[in-house]
Amino acid sequence: MKEYKRCLDMVRIHLQDETVQLNNETLDKLVNNELQKSANEMDKSLIDLCLNALVAYRAYEAESKKNM
């Protein structure tokens, strides 16, 4: 969970909005919105940060289920 929270903080810093509420659904929407743009307009850094956060959360979930 620590890695997921760190990744969310990185997304907030990138967005320059420390108060934005982020969850898996919001991260998915951010990625999808960027992917709808042309290659020269999309924010590849934002996509990378969101994907990193999603991967970190899924790893946390898998580890939690494994420890049950």
Protein backbone atom coordinates (compact mmCIF):
# COMPACT_ATOMS: atom_id res chain seq x y z
CA MET A 1 0.00 0.00 0.00
CA LYS A 2 2.93 2.28 0.71
CA GLU A 3 4.05 2.13 -2.95
CA TYR A 4 0.50 2.81 -4.16
CA LYS A 5 0.23 5.91 -1.96
CA ARG A 6 3.62 7.12 -3.17
CA CYS A 7 2.47 6.69 -6.76
CA LEU A 8 -0.75 8.60 -6.05
CA ASP A 9 1.31 11.42 -4.56
CA MET A 10 3.40 11.52 -7.74
CA VAL A 11 0.23 11.83 -9.86
CA ARG A 12 -1.03 14.68 -7.64
CA ILE A 13 2.31 16.48 -7.95
CA HIS A 14 2.26 16.05 -11.72
CA LEU A 15 -1.30 17.42 -11.87
CA GLN A 16 -0.24 20.24 -9.55
CA ASP A 17 -3.27 19.51 -7.37
CA GLU A 18 -2.54 18.02 -3.96
CA THR A 19 -6.26 17.79 -3.14
CA VAL A 20 -7.48 15.74 -6.12
CA GLN A 21 -9.18 12.54 -5.03
CA LEU A 22 -7.64 9.58 -6.82
CA ASN A 23 -8.77 5.98 -6.97
CA ASN A 24 -8.53 3.21 -9.53
CA GLU A 25 -11.52 4.50 -11.49
CA THR A 26 -10.12 8.04 -11.65
CA LEU A 27 -6.70 6.75 -12.71
CA ASP A 28 -8.31 4.68 -15.47
CA LYS A 29 -10.23 7.75 -16.68
CA LEU A 30 -7.08 9.87 -16.70
CA VAL A 31 -5.26 7.28 -18.80
CA ASN A 32 -8.20 6.85 -21.19
CA ASN A 33 -8.55 10.62 -21.63
CA GLU A 34 -4.88 10.95 -22.51
CA LEU A 35 -5.03 8.01 -24.92
CA GLN A 36 -7.86 9.73 -26.81
CA LYS A 37 -5.50 12.58 -27.69
CA SER A 38 -3.08 12.60 -30.59
CA ALA A 39 0.44 11.33 -29.87
CA ASN A 40 1.93 14.82 -29.74
CA GLU A 41 -0.78 16.11 -27.37
CA MET A 42 -1.01 13.27 -24.86
CA ASP A 43 0.82 13.52 -21.56
CA LYS A 44 2.94 10.38 -21.58
CA SER A 45 4.35 11.14 -18.14
CA LEU A 46 0.85 11.25 -16.67
CA ILE A 47 -0.01 7.96 -18.34
CA ASP A 48 3.13 6.35 -16.90
CA LEU A 49 2.42 7.67 -13.41
CA CYS A 50 -1.18 6.46 -13.48
CA LEU A 51 -0.19 3.03 -14.77
CA ASN A 52 2.49 2.75 -12.09
CA ALA A 53 -0.13 3.53 -9.43
CA LEU A 54 -2.54 0.96 -10.84
CA VAL A 55 0.15 -1.72 -10.95
CA ALA A 56 1.23 -0.90 -7.38
CA TYR A 57 -2.36 -1.20 -6.17
CA ARG A 58 -2.92 -4.51 -7.94
CA ALA A 59 0.32 -5.84 -6.46
CA TYR A 60 -0.87 -4.75 -3.01
CA GLU A 61 -4.23 -6.48 -3.56
CA ALA A 62 -2.55 -9.69 -4.72
CA GLU A 63 -0.23 -9.69 -1.72
CA SER A 64 -3.16 -9.07 0.65
CA LYS A 65 -5.12 -12.00 -0.80
CA LYS A 66 -2.03 -14.19 -0.62
CA ASN A 67 -1.62 -13.44 3.11
CA MET A 68 -5.23 -14.36 3.95
